[in-house]
Structure formats: structure tokens, C-alpha cells
């Protein structure tokens, strides 16, 4: 659904802040107290709430809100064959990356029924008339919690099969009407300063996908804590020209008040032409209280409005 966009379009990176009642419903799901119709109703109501928050704030291009995803990517592994769940390395204390769920590869990986993003997109498409962006974990993202096994002797071979899974999901999204797809990949600098070979991962994952492609370079913010203390793009910029995408989604702040948003936009306009710049908050909001997420969206949109007025 193509719509005319203003100068400095506003969007979101992906997830929206979960309403408190969604957390309660998830507990009920875990206890087996919800049936299939209950879960469908929960998905629809939660997605509607996220879309309404984005629309009321005035966001130009919305996401699905990712309201039923579990810990960003962990839920996707339910749809991947050839892996088994391992115990988390640490269970006590404050949640962090080492309390997340790891998986061991036991045989060739595949996702014959997809990752579930098509159903998520179709539901959101029914609920909004706004321009809608689908968000898909990239192959490097899916690789993070996987431990080699099942005949895979190196990560490149495993990565190639994850690329096929992501590519199939993107093409399935296009088949149901998606015209804007964002691939979420980890910040290259998170892994000992080594830059990813984008030709093996991102580019192959979007090969033959007839949609506008964005790539989100994520710093990682699980449980509100960054994966790495290094939060810069020094070793990313040299690879950006190699990525087959129309848009690169970057993160520059962790705040969202009006003045901060406005000054950040002005700073960026010293380096990027207005017709090349989109505006979004940092990363996703799934661990941000919903009321804070709403304030951040309002600040983003207001900052864009003020700068558009100055440009005019």
C-alpha cells in the first residue's frame, strides 16, 4: 500500500511497548489457560493497541508492533527444525545475554512452516491503512544462539541454511502484500571487532525479494542492557556500500524528548540530505514501558514537525 510520505518520514525500528495485560496473558498462556481462539484474540487486540499508539502519535510508516514475539528472536526457533533447546548458562541474578536460551544444532536446519512473520504481517495489514513495514531477523541474528553440531562443521555452512530460511520468509511476505521489509542484524562491532561479510549473509537473504529493503544495524539491548560497551559504527561504515538495500537503519541515542530529537535531526542534516533521511527511535520498544514508548513516539514526531517547518 503506497502512500505519499512527507520530508523526513518517521518510522519505528520494530517492536512496541507491551501493555501490562499482555504480560499477564502470556503467563496464562504458559500455564495452559488460553485456547487457540483466546490466543488469536490476544494477538489481534495487542497488535491493534500498538498500531493505534503509532497512528495517534502520527508515525508515517508503522510496524506490526511484534506484539507476540518472545524475547525478540527466541520464539522463532519454535519454527526451526534440527535444533534442541539447551539450559541457559546462568539462571540466577539479573537477566542478561547469558540467561537467554541457547540451542544446539542436531541436524540440517529448516523452517518448513516459516517463522510466523507472514501471519503477523497479515493481521497488521487488516488492522491499519498506514504504510506498513515488515521486520525480519537476519541470518546473522538467527545464528547468535546456535551452537554447531548435526554435521555443521563451520558457521558459514550453517549461515547458508539460515539465509535460505530468511529469504523464503521475505518472499512469502511479498506474496501477501509486503512492499517494505527490514532485516534486523547485529552491530558488526559486537563480535571482537570483526566485520561481517555481507555478501554471504544479508545480500543473499534478500536476493530476488521484490520489495524495498532496509537493514537495521542493531547494537543489542536485551533486558535494557547493551551487548557491548562499544556503541559506534566505525567498523560498519566501510561495509555499508556493499549492502543491497535501499535504507540503512542506525541508532544514535537512547532518549526521546522533543529538544533532543530536534537537535539530533539537525546534526544529521549536516551530513545527510533531507530527502535521504528517515527518522526512528533507537531499536525496539518491547522492553520499554508502553507509556514511555508513547512519549518517545510523540517526541519523535514533534521533532520531525519542528525541523520540517524550519526546512520550509
Protein backbone atom coordinates (compact mmCIF):
# COMPACT_ATOMS: atom_id res chain seq x y z
CA UNK A 1 0.00 0.00 0.00
CA UNK A 2 1.94 3.00 -1.34
CA UNK A 3 1.29 6.40 0.24
CA UNK A 4 2.93 9.78 -0.29
CA UNK A 5 5.34 10.49 2.56
CA UNK A 6 6.44 13.86 3.95
CA UNK A 7 10.02 15.08 4.04
CA UNK A 8 11.85 13.39 6.93
CA UNK A 9 9.43 10.44 7.24
CA UNK A 10 9.06 8.96 10.72
CA UNK A 11 9.01 5.24 11.42
CA UNK A 12 9.87 2.72 14.14
CA UNK A 13 12.53 0.05 14.29
CA UNK A 14 10.09 -2.74 15.08
CA UNK A 15 8.63 -3.76 18.43
CA UNK A 16 6.24 -1.65 20.50
CA UNK A 17 5.94 -1.46 24.28
CA UNK A 18 3.83 -4.31 25.59
CA UNK A 19 0.68 -3.39 27.55
CA UNK A 20 0.64 -4.81 31.08
CA UNK A 21 -2.26 -7.10 30.24
CA UNK A 22 -0.16 -8.80 27.54
CA UNK A 23 2.37 -9.87 30.17
CA UNK A 24 -0.49 -11.32 32.26
CA UNK A 25 -1.90 -13.10 29.22
CA UNK A 26 1.50 -14.59 28.46
CA UNK A 27 1.61 -16.03 31.97
CA UNK A 28 -1.81 -17.54 31.33
CA UNK A 29 -0.57 -18.98 28.03
CA UNK A 30 2.40 -20.55 29.79
CA UNK A 31 0.06 -22.12 32.33
CA UNK A 32 -2.14 -23.55 29.56
CA UNK A 33 -5.17 -21.42 30.45
CA UNK A 34 -5.70 -20.00 26.94
CA UNK A 35 -7.16 -21.79 23.94
CA UNK A 36 -6.41 -21.14 20.27
CA UNK A 37 -9.22 -18.59 19.92
CA UNK A 38 -8.06 -16.81 23.08
CA UNK A 39 -4.54 -16.53 21.68
CA UNK A 40 -5.80 -15.21 18.34
CA UNK A 41 -7.90 -12.61 20.15
CA UNK A 42 -4.87 -11.63 22.24
CA UNK A 43 -2.72 -11.20 19.12
CA UNK A 44 -5.35 -9.07 17.43
CA UNK A 45 -6.03 -6.86 20.46
CA UNK A 46 -2.33 -6.34 21.23
CA UNK A 47 -1.49 -5.56 17.60
CA UNK A 48 -4.40 -3.14 17.41
CA UNK A 49 -3.16 -1.37 20.55
CA UNK A 50 0.35 -0.99 19.10
CA UNK A 51 -0.93 0.30 15.78
CA UNK A 52 -3.24 2.81 17.47
CA UNK A 53 -0.36 4.15 19.57
CA UNK A 54 1.77 4.64 16.45
CA UNK A 55 -1.06 6.15 14.43
CA UNK A 56 -2.14 8.54 17.20
CA UNK A 57 1.44 9.73 17.59
CA UNK A 58 1.50 10.47 13.86
CA UNK A 59 4.17 7.96 12.79
CA UNK A 60 4.30 7.85 8.98
CA UNK A 61 5.37 4.22 8.46
CA UNK A 62 4.31 1.79 11.17
CA UNK A 63 5.38 -1.74 12.06
CA UNK A 64 3.31 -4.69 13.22
CA UNK A 65 4.46 -3.95 16.79
CA UNK A 66 5.84 -7.51 17.05
CA UNK A 67 3.47 -8.00 19.98
CA UNK A 68 3.57 -11.78 20.16
CA UNK A 69 7.29 -12.31 19.65
CA UNK A 70 9.11 -13.91 22.57
CA UNK A 71 12.35 -12.23 23.71
CA UNK A 72 12.83 -10.73 20.24
CA UNK A 73 14.06 -13.83 18.39
CA UNK A 74 13.74 -16.78 20.78
CA UNK A 75 10.18 -17.54 19.65
CA UNK A 76 11.34 -18.02 16.05
CA UNK A 77 13.23 -21.18 16.98
CA UNK A 78 9.92 -22.93 17.63
CA UNK A 79 9.52 -22.97 13.86
CA UNK A 80 13.04 -24.15 13.07
CA UNK A 81 13.69 -27.88 12.75
CA UNK A 82 17.00 -29.54 13.51
CA UNK A 83 17.78 -27.86 16.84
CA UNK A 84 17.29 -28.64 20.52
CA UNK A 85 16.99 -26.29 23.47
CA UNK A 86 19.88 -26.11 25.93
CA UNK A 87 19.79 -24.80 29.51
CA UNK A 88 20.79 -21.18 29.93
CA UNK A 89 24.39 -20.78 31.18
CA UNK A 90 23.14 -18.72 34.12
CA UNK A 91 19.75 -18.73 35.88
CA UNK A 92 20.36 -16.64 38.99
CA UNK A 93 20.57 -12.90 39.26
CA UNK A 94 19.81 -10.08 36.86
CA UNK A 95 18.77 -11.22 33.35
CA UNK A 96 21.37 -10.62 30.64
CA UNK A 97 22.61 -12.32 27.47
CA UNK A 98 23.93 -15.33 29.38
CA UNK A 99 20.46 -16.02 30.85
CA UNK A 100 18.94 -16.23 27.37
CA UNK A 101 18.11 -19.58 25.75
CA UNK A 102 20.85 -21.26 23.66
CA UNK A 103 20.22 -24.02 21.10
CA UNK A 104 22.30 -26.88 19.76
CA UNK A 105 22.05 -27.83 16.09
CA UNK A 106 21.32 -31.56 15.81
CA UNK A 107 20.63 -31.91 12.06
CA UNK A 108 20.09 -29.80 8.96
CA UNK A 109 18.08 -26.70 9.92
CA UNK A 110 14.89 -25.77 8.08
CA UNK A 111 11.66 -23.88 8.71
CA UNK A 112 9.05 -25.64 6.56
CA UNK A 113 6.17 -23.59 8.03
CA UNK A 114 8.10 -20.34 8.11
CA UNK A 115 8.93 -18.14 11.10
CA UNK A 116 5.41 -16.80 11.70
CA UNK A 117 6.11 -13.29 10.42
CA UNK A 118 3.72 -13.67 7.49
CA UNK A 119 0.79 -14.25 9.85
CA UNK A 120 1.94 -11.29 11.98
CA UNK A 121 2.05 -9.04 8.90
CA UNK A 122 -1.31 -10.19 7.51
CA UNK A 123 -3.01 -9.41 10.82
CA UNK A 124 -1.50 -5.92 10.99
CA UNK A 125 -2.36 -5.28 7.34
CA UNK A 126 -6.03 -5.97 8.16
CA UNK A 127 -5.93 -3.52 11.07
CA UNK A 128 -4.32 -0.44 9.54
CA UNK A 129 -4.38 1.57 6.35
CA UNK A 130 -0.96 3.14 7.07
CA UNK A 131 2.19 2.28 5.19
CA UNK A 132 3.44 -0.88 6.93
CA UNK A 133 6.94 -2.25 7.33
CA UNK A 134 7.61 -5.95 7.95
CA UNK A 135 10.59 -6.78 10.19
CA UNK A 136 12.58 -9.99 9.77
CA UNK A 137 15.56 -11.31 11.76
CA UNK A 138 18.59 -11.63 9.53
CA UNK A 139 20.70 -14.79 9.20
CA UNK A 140 23.46 -13.44 11.47
CA UNK A 141 20.84 -12.64 14.12
CA UNK A 142 19.43 -16.17 13.96
CA UNK A 143 22.95 -17.58 14.16
CA UNK A 144 23.75 -15.90 17.52
CA UNK A 145 22.28 -18.51 19.98
CA UNK A 146 23.07 -21.58 17.84
CA UNK A 147 25.88 -23.97 18.76
CA UNK A 148 27.43 -26.03 15.96
CA UNK A 149 26.51 -29.69 15.63
CA UNK A 150 24.45 -32.03 13.48
CA UNK A 151 27.01 -32.23 10.69
CA UNK A 152 27.75 -28.49 10.53
CA UNK A 153 31.49 -28.07 10.91
CA UNK A 154 31.66 -24.30 10.43
CA UNK A 155 29.38 -21.32 10.87
CA UNK A 156 29.43 -20.39 7.17
CA UNK A 157 27.67 -23.62 6.22
CA UNK A 158 25.05 -23.12 8.93
CA UNK A 159 24.70 -19.48 7.91
CA UNK A 160 23.91 -20.52 4.33
CA UNK A 161 20.93 -22.58 5.51
CA UNK A 162 19.72 -19.70 7.72
CA UNK A 163 19.97 -17.43 4.68
CA UNK A 164 17.56 -19.75 2.85
CA UNK A 165 15.11 -19.58 5.75
CA UNK A 166 15.19 -15.77 5.83
CA UNK A 167 14.94 -15.49 2.04
CA UNK A 168 11.90 -17.77 1.97
CA UNK A 169 10.22 -15.72 4.71
CA UNK A 170 10.84 -12.47 2.81
CA UNK A 171 9.43 -13.88 -0.41
CA UNK A 172 6.39 -15.20 1.44
CA UNK A 173 5.85 -11.70 2.88
CA UNK A 174 5.95 -10.18 -0.60
CA UNK A 175 3.39 -12.77 -1.73
CA UNK A 176 0.89 -11.45 0.85
CA UNK A 177 1.45 -7.80 0.00
CA UNK A 178 4.55 -6.61 1.88
CA UNK A 179 6.40 -3.93 -0.10
CA UNK A 180 8.83 -2.77 2.61
CA UNK A 181 10.93 -5.30 4.56
CA UNK A 182 13.54 -4.57 7.21
CA UNK A 183 16.26 -7.09 8.01
CA UNK A 184 17.49 -6.89 11.63
CA UNK A 185 21.17 -7.70 12.01
CA UNK A 186 23.60 -7.27 14.94
CA UNK A 187 26.12 -4.46 15.04
CA UNK A 188 29.25 -5.71 13.31
CA UNK A 189 31.41 -4.49 16.19
CA UNK A 190 29.67 -6.75 18.73
CA UNK A 191 31.88 -9.68 17.79
CA UNK A 192 35.53 -8.95 18.58
CA UNK A 193 35.71 -6.11 16.06
CA UNK A 194 35.31 -8.39 13.03
CA UNK A 195 33.07 -7.07 10.28
CA UNK A 196 30.57 -9.46 8.70
CA UNK A 197 30.95 -10.45 5.07
CA UNK A 198 27.60 -9.04 3.98
CA UNK A 199 27.77 -10.84 0.64
CA UNK A 200 27.40 -14.19 2.44
CA UNK A 201 24.51 -13.16 4.68
CA UNK A 202 22.38 -10.07 4.19
CA UNK A 203 22.63 -9.80 0.40
CA UNK A 204 21.84 -13.44 -0.22
CA UNK A 205 18.96 -13.29 2.25
CA UNK A 206 17.22 -10.60 0.19
CA UNK A 207 18.15 -11.93 -3.23
CA UNK A 208 15.11 -11.97 -5.51
CA UNK A 209 12.88 -10.23 -2.93
CA UNK A 210 10.70 -7.71 -4.79
CA UNK A 211 10.30 -5.09 -2.05
CA UNK A 212 12.05 -2.06 -0.62
CA UNK A 213 14.76 -3.44 1.67
CA UNK A 214 16.06 -1.80 4.84
CA UNK A 215 18.83 -3.19 7.05
CA UNK A 216 18.79 -2.35 10.77
CA UNK A 217 22.28 -2.47 12.29
CA UNK A 218 21.43 -3.23 15.92
CA UNK A 219 23.63 -2.52 18.94
CA UNK A 220 21.74 -5.07 21.01
CA UNK A 221 19.72 -4.01 24.03
CA UNK A 222 18.44 -7.22 25.62
CA UNK A 223 16.84 -6.59 29.03
CA UNK A 224 17.70 -2.92 28.63
CA UNK A 225 21.44 -3.63 28.58
CA UNK A 226 23.73 -3.35 25.54
CA UNK A 227 25.59 -6.42 24.33
CA UNK A 228 28.79 -4.41 24.13
CA UNK A 229 30.09 -1.21 25.65
CA UNK A 230 31.29 -0.23 22.17
CA UNK A 231 28.40 1.66 20.58
CA UNK A 232 29.81 3.20 17.42
CA UNK A 233 29.78 2.44 13.72
CA UNK A 234 33.48 2.90 12.97
CA UNK A 235 33.93 -0.61 11.57
CA UNK A 236 30.49 -0.68 9.93
CA UNK A 237 30.76 2.25 7.55
CA UNK A 238 33.33 0.51 5.33
CA UNK A 239 30.78 -2.23 4.52
CA UNK A 240 27.63 -0.14 4.02
CA UNK A 241 28.22 0.34 0.29
CA UNK A 242 28.24 -3.45 -0.13
CA UNK A 243 24.75 -3.98 1.30
CA UNK A 244 21.95 -4.48 -1.24
CA UNK A 245 19.41 -2.27 0.50
CA UNK A 246 17.57 1.00 -0.08
CA UNK A 247 17.83 2.06 3.55
CA UNK A 248 20.21 1.57 6.48
CA UNK A 249 18.61 1.94 9.93
CA UNK A 250 21.06 3.15 12.59
CA UNK A 251 20.86 4.07 16.28
CA UNK A 252 22.24 7.32 17.69
CA UNK A 253 20.57 7.97 21.04
CA UNK A 254 18.66 6.38 23.92
CA UNK A 255 16.44 9.29 24.73
CA UNK A 256 13.39 10.79 23.09
CA UNK A 257 12.48 14.23 24.40
CA UNK A 258 11.45 16.97 21.95
CA UNK A 259 14.62 19.06 22.08
CA UNK A 260 16.92 16.03 21.94
CA UNK A 261 15.06 14.67 18.92
CA UNK A 262 15.16 18.05 17.19
CA UNK A 263 18.87 18.60 17.83
CA UNK A 264 19.72 15.07 16.67
CA UNK A 265 17.83 15.68 13.42
CA UNK A 266 19.64 18.97 12.86
CA UNK A 267 23.01 17.29 13.46
CA UNK A 268 22.25 14.57 10.94
CA UNK A 269 21.11 17.09 8.33
CA UNK A 270 24.66 18.46 8.29
CA UNK A 271 25.72 15.17 6.72
CA UNK A 272 22.60 13.74 5.02
CA UNK A 273 20.29 15.45 2.52
CA UNK A 274 16.69 15.88 3.80
CA UNK A 275 15.28 13.71 1.03
CA UNK A 276 17.58 10.85 2.09
CA UNK A 277 16.86 10.91 5.83
CA UNK A 278 14.22 8.93 7.73
CA UNK A 279 13.71 9.27 11.48
CA UNK A 280 13.20 6.49 14.02
CA UNK A 281 13.79 5.86 17.74
CA UNK A 282 16.58 3.53 18.83
CA UNK A 283 15.97 -0.20 18.47
CA UNK A 284 12.68 -1.76 19.53
CA UNK A 285 10.38 -0.94 22.44
CA UNK A 286 9.38 -4.40 23.67
CA UNK A 287 11.21 -3.90 26.98
CA UNK A 288 10.20 -0.27 27.26
CA UNK A 289 7.06 0.52 29.31
CA UNK A 290 4.26 1.32 26.91
CA UNK A 291 3.70 4.80 28.37
CA UNK A 292 7.38 5.63 27.80
CA UNK A 293 7.24 4.28 24.24
CA UNK A 294 4.25 6.52 23.52
CA UNK A 295 6.12 9.58 24.81
CA UNK A 296 9.14 8.71 22.68
CA UNK A 297 6.96 8.40 19.56
CA UNK A 298 5.28 11.72 20.31
CA UNK A 299 8.69 13.37 20.76
CA UNK A 300 9.99 11.85 17.52
CA UNK A 301 7.03 13.10 15.51
CA UNK A 302 7.13 16.53 17.13
CA UNK A 303 10.87 16.84 16.48
CA UNK A 304 10.27 15.97 12.82
CA UNK A 305 7.47 18.54 12.61
CA UNK A 306 9.66 21.30 14.02
CA UNK A 307 12.54 20.58 11.67
CA UNK A 308 10.25 20.28 8.64
CA UNK A 309 8.94 23.73 9.50
CA UNK A 310 12.48 25.10 9.65
CA UNK A 311 13.34 23.50 6.28
CA UNK A 312 10.23 25.00 4.72
